[in-house]
């Protein structure tokens, strides 16, 4: 296995992890911004007010995105299994 091939595998792994985590992270960020704007407009400074909506939105997005996530993980796994012969040389 060459150094370039190892770098390629690590890069694909990190890219896949970022792509898989992005929907949940972005939805949590968006709902956090919305709740923060509502809190600043109403001057309610309760720190725990954002946790429940964030958790609910992230869970809903995770459930909705689960088929896509599973498909991406399967594609990545098939790619890695395809490279096993090259890694053992």
N, C-alpha and C. Protein backbone atom coordinates (compact mmCIF):
# COMPACT_ATOMS: atom_id res chain seq x y z
N UNK A 1 0.85 -1.17 0.00
CA UNK A 1 0.00 0.00 0.00
C UNK A 1 0.90 1.24 0.00
N UNK A 2 0.63 2.11 -0.93
CA UNK A 2 1.44 3.32 -1.03
C UNK A 2 0.91 4.40 -0.09
N UNK A 3 1.73 5.41 0.08
CA UNK A 3 1.34 6.52 0.94
C UNK A 3 0.16 7.29 0.35
N UNK A 4 0.15 7.44 -0.96
CA UNK A 4 -0.95 8.14 -1.62
C UNK A 4 -2.28 7.39 -1.45
N UNK A 5 -2.20 6.08 -1.52
CA UNK A 5 -3.41 5.27 -1.34
C UNK A 5 -3.93 5.38 0.08
N UNK A 6 -3.04 5.37 1.06
CA UNK A 6 -3.45 5.52 2.46
C UNK A 6 -4.08 6.89 2.70
N UNK A 7 -3.51 7.92 2.11
CA UNK A 7 -4.07 9.27 2.23
C UNK A 7 -5.44 9.34 1.57
N UNK A 8 -5.59 8.66 0.44
CA UNK A 8 -6.88 8.63 -0.23
C UNK A 8 -7.94 7.97 0.64
N UNK A 9 -7.60 6.85 1.27
CA UNK A 9 -8.55 6.14 2.13
C UNK A 9 -8.93 7.00 3.33
N UNK A 10 -7.96 7.65 3.96
CA UNK A 10 -8.25 8.51 5.11
C UNK A 10 -9.12 9.69 4.69
N UNK A 11 -8.82 10.29 3.53
CA UNK A 11 -9.60 11.42 3.04
C UNK A 11 -11.04 11.00 2.76
N UNK A 12 -11.23 9.86 2.13
CA UNK A 12 -12.59 9.37 1.85
C UNK A 12 -13.34 9.06 3.14
N UNK A 13 -12.64 8.51 4.13
CA UNK A 13 -13.26 8.21 5.41
C UNK A 13 -13.73 9.48 6.10
N UNK A 14 -12.87 10.48 6.17
CA UNK A 14 -13.24 11.74 6.80
C UNK A 14 -14.35 12.45 6.04
N UNK A 15 -14.29 12.43 4.71
CA UNK A 15 -15.33 13.06 3.90
C UNK A 15 -16.67 12.37 4.13
N UNK A 16 -16.68 11.06 4.19
CA UNK A 16 -17.90 10.31 4.44
C UNK A 16 -18.46 10.63 5.82
N UNK A 17 -17.60 10.71 6.82
CA UNK A 17 -18.06 11.03 8.18
C UNK A 17 -18.66 12.43 8.24
N UNK A 18 -18.05 13.38 7.56
CA UNK A 18 -18.57 14.75 7.55
C UNK A 18 -19.91 14.81 6.83
N UNK A 19 -20.01 14.14 5.70
CA UNK A 19 -21.25 14.13 4.94
C UNK A 19 -22.38 13.47 5.74
N UNK A 20 -22.08 12.41 6.47
CA UNK A 20 -23.10 11.71 7.24
C UNK A 20 -23.55 12.52 8.45
N UNK A 21 -22.66 13.29 9.05
CA UNK A 21 -23.02 14.07 10.23
C UNK A 21 -23.65 15.42 9.88
N UNK A 22 -23.47 15.88 8.66
CA UNK A 22 -23.92 17.23 8.28
C UNK A 22 -25.41 17.48 8.46
N UNK A 23 -26.32 16.59 8.06
CA UNK A 23 -27.74 16.92 8.23
C UNK A 23 -28.14 17.15 9.69
N UNK A 24 -27.65 16.31 10.59
CA UNK A 24 -27.99 16.49 11.99
C UNK A 24 -27.36 17.75 12.58
N UNK A 25 -26.10 17.99 12.24
CA UNK A 25 -25.43 19.18 12.76
C UNK A 25 -26.05 20.46 12.24
N UNK A 26 -26.36 20.49 10.95
CA UNK A 26 -26.94 21.70 10.38
C UNK A 26 -28.35 21.95 10.89
N UNK A 27 -29.13 20.91 11.09
CA UNK A 27 -30.47 21.11 11.64
C UNK A 27 -30.40 21.60 13.09
N UNK A 28 -29.48 21.07 13.87
CA UNK A 28 -29.29 21.55 15.24
C UNK A 28 -28.84 23.00 15.27
N UNK A 29 -27.96 23.36 14.35
CA UNK A 29 -27.50 24.74 14.25
C UNK A 29 -28.64 25.67 13.88
N UNK A 30 -29.43 25.27 12.91
CA UNK A 30 -30.53 26.10 12.44
C UNK A 30 -31.59 26.30 13.53
N UNK A 31 -31.98 25.24 14.20
CA UNK A 31 -32.99 25.37 15.26
C UNK A 31 -32.42 26.16 16.43
N UNK A 32 -31.14 26.03 16.70
CA UNK A 32 -30.50 26.83 17.75
C UNK A 32 -30.53 28.31 17.43
N UNK A 33 -30.26 28.65 16.18
CA UNK A 33 -30.32 30.06 15.78
C UNK A 33 -31.74 30.61 15.87
N UNK A 34 -32.70 29.82 15.45
CA UNK A 34 -34.10 30.27 15.51
C UNK A 34 -34.53 30.49 16.95
N UNK A 35 -34.22 29.54 17.82
CA UNK A 35 -34.59 29.67 19.24
C UNK A 35 -33.86 30.86 19.86
N UNK A 36 -32.61 31.08 19.51
CA UNK A 36 -31.85 32.21 20.05
C UNK A 36 -32.46 33.53 19.61
N UNK A 37 -32.90 33.62 18.36
CA UNK A 37 -33.55 34.85 17.90
C UNK A 37 -34.87 35.08 18.63
N UNK A 38 -35.62 34.01 18.86
CA UNK A 38 -36.88 34.14 19.61
C UNK A 38 -36.59 34.57 21.05
N UNK A 39 -35.55 33.98 21.65
CA UNK A 39 -35.21 34.35 23.02
C UNK A 39 -34.76 35.80 23.12
N UNK A 40 -33.98 36.26 22.14
CA UNK A 40 -33.53 37.65 22.20
C UNK A 40 -34.68 38.62 21.91
N UNK A 41 -35.64 38.23 21.08
CA UNK A 41 -36.77 39.10 20.80
C UNK A 41 -37.71 39.19 22.00
N UNK A 42 -37.87 38.08 22.73
CA UNK A 42 -38.77 38.09 23.88
C UNK A 42 -38.05 38.33 25.19
N UNK A 43 -36.75 38.44 25.17
CA UNK A 43 -35.89 38.66 26.34
C UNK A 43 -36.05 37.57 27.39
N UNK A 44 -36.28 36.34 26.92
CA UNK A 44 -36.30 35.18 27.82
C UNK A 44 -34.91 34.55 27.76
N UNK A 45 -34.21 34.58 28.88
CA UNK A 45 -32.83 34.07 28.90
C UNK A 45 -32.74 32.75 29.64
N UNK A 46 -33.52 31.79 29.23
CA UNK A 46 -33.48 30.46 29.84
C UNK A 46 -32.56 29.58 29.00
N UNK A 47 -31.49 29.08 29.61
CA UNK A 47 -30.48 28.31 28.88
C UNK A 47 -31.00 26.93 28.47
N UNK A 48 -31.90 26.36 29.25
CA UNK A 48 -32.37 25.01 28.95
C UNK A 48 -33.48 24.99 27.90
N UNK A 49 -33.95 26.14 27.48
CA UNK A 49 -35.06 26.21 26.52
C UNK A 49 -34.68 25.66 25.14
N UNK A 50 -33.42 25.71 24.79
CA UNK A 50 -33.01 25.28 23.45
C UNK A 50 -32.76 23.77 23.36
N UNK A 51 -32.57 23.09 24.47
CA UNK A 51 -32.17 21.69 24.42
C UNK A 51 -33.25 20.77 23.85
N UNK A 52 -34.47 20.90 24.33
CA UNK A 52 -35.54 20.00 23.89
C UNK A 52 -35.83 20.15 22.40
N UNK A 53 -36.01 21.39 21.88
CA UNK A 53 -36.24 21.49 20.43
C UNK A 53 -35.07 20.98 19.60
N UNK A 54 -33.84 21.24 20.04
CA UNK A 54 -32.68 20.74 19.31
C UNK A 54 -32.67 19.21 19.27
N UNK A 55 -32.90 18.60 20.41
CA UNK A 55 -32.89 17.13 20.47
C UNK A 55 -33.97 16.56 19.58
N UNK A 56 -35.17 17.13 19.65
CA UNK A 56 -36.27 16.64 18.84
C UNK A 56 -36.00 16.78 17.34
N UNK A 57 -35.49 17.94 16.93
CA UNK A 57 -35.21 18.16 15.51
C UNK A 57 -34.11 17.24 15.03
N UNK A 58 -33.06 17.08 15.81
CA UNK A 58 -31.95 16.20 15.40
C UNK A 58 -32.43 14.76 15.29
N UNK A 59 -33.26 14.31 16.21
CA UNK A 59 -33.78 12.94 16.14
C UNK A 59 -34.68 12.76 14.92
N UNK A 60 -35.55 13.73 14.65
CA UNK A 60 -36.42 13.64 13.48
C UNK A 60 -35.60 13.63 12.19
N UNK A 61 -34.60 14.50 12.10
CA UNK A 61 -33.75 14.52 10.90
C UNK A 61 -33.00 13.21 10.77
N UNK A 62 -32.54 12.65 11.88
CA UNK A 62 -31.82 11.38 11.83
C UNK A 62 -32.73 10.26 11.33
N UNK A 63 -33.97 10.24 11.80
CA UNK A 63 -34.90 9.21 11.36
C UNK A 63 -35.23 9.37 9.88
N UNK A 64 -35.44 10.61 9.45
CA UNK A 64 -35.77 10.87 8.04
C UNK A 64 -34.58 10.55 7.13
N UNK A 65 -33.37 10.86 7.59
CA UNK A 65 -32.18 10.66 6.77
C UNK A 65 -31.58 9.26 6.89
N UNK A 66 -32.15 8.42 7.73
CA UNK A 66 -31.56 7.10 7.97
C UNK A 66 -31.40 6.25 6.71
N UNK A 67 -32.37 6.18 5.80
CA UNK A 67 -32.13 5.39 4.58
C UNK A 67 -30.95 5.92 3.75
N UNK A 68 -30.83 7.23 3.66
CA UNK A 68 -29.71 7.83 2.93
C UNK A 68 -28.39 7.54 3.63
N UNK A 69 -28.38 7.64 4.95
CA UNK A 69 -27.16 7.37 5.72
C UNK A 69 -26.73 5.92 5.55
N UNK A 70 -27.68 5.01 5.64
CA UNK A 70 -27.36 3.58 5.48
C UNK A 70 -26.82 3.32 4.08
N UNK A 71 -27.41 3.95 3.07
CA UNK A 71 -26.93 3.78 1.70
C UNK A 71 -25.50 4.29 1.55
N UNK A 72 -25.20 5.45 2.12
CA UNK A 72 -23.83 5.99 2.04
C UNK A 72 -22.83 5.09 2.76
N UNK A 73 -23.21 4.57 3.91
CA UNK A 73 -22.31 3.67 4.66
C UNK A 73 -22.08 2.38 3.88
N UNK A 74 -23.13 1.85 3.26
CA UNK A 74 -22.97 0.64 2.46
C UNK A 74 -22.07 0.88 1.25
N UNK A 75 -22.24 2.01 0.58
CA UNK A 75 -21.36 2.34 -0.55
C UNK A 75 -19.91 2.46 -0.11
N UNK A 76 -19.69 3.11 1.03
CA UNK A 76 -18.33 3.26 1.54
C UNK A 76 -17.75 1.90 1.92
N UNK A 77 -18.56 1.06 2.55
CA UNK A 77 -18.09 -0.27 2.94
C UNK A 77 -17.74 -1.12 1.73
N UNK A 78 -18.57 -1.05 0.70
CA UNK A 78 -18.26 -1.79 -0.53
C UNK A 78 -16.98 -1.27 -1.17
N UNK A 79 -16.76 0.05 -1.12
CA UNK A 79 -15.53 0.62 -1.67
C UNK A 79 -14.32 0.10 -0.89
N UNK A 80 -14.40 0.09 0.43
CA UNK A 80 -13.28 -0.38 1.25
C UNK A 80 -13.03 -1.87 1.02
N UNK A 81 -14.09 -2.66 0.95
CA UNK A 81 -13.92 -4.09 0.68
C UNK A 81 -13.31 -4.32 -0.70
N UNK A 82 -13.61 -3.45 -1.64
CA UNK A 82 -13.02 -3.56 -2.96
C UNK A 82 -11.53 -3.28 -2.96
N UNK A 83 -11.07 -2.49 -1.99
CA UNK A 83 -9.67 -2.13 -1.91
C UNK A 83 -8.85 -3.05 -1.03
N UNK A 84 -9.46 -4.07 -0.42
CA UNK A 84 -8.74 -4.95 0.49
C UNK A 84 -7.57 -5.64 -0.22
N UNK A 85 -7.77 -6.06 -1.44
CA UNK A 85 -6.69 -6.72 -2.19
C UNK A 85 -5.50 -5.76 -2.40
N UNK A 86 -5.79 -4.50 -2.64
CA UNK A 86 -4.72 -3.53 -2.82
C UNK A 86 -4.01 -3.21 -1.50
N UNK A 87 -4.73 -3.24 -0.40
CA UNK A 87 -4.13 -2.91 0.90
C UNK A 87 -3.19 -3.99 1.39
N UNK A 88 -3.41 -5.23 1.00
CA UNK A 88 -2.57 -6.32 1.51
C UNK A 88 -1.30 -6.52 0.71
N UNK A 89 -1.14 -5.82 -0.35
CA UNK A 89 0.08 -5.98 -1.17
C UNK A 89 1.24 -5.26 -0.57
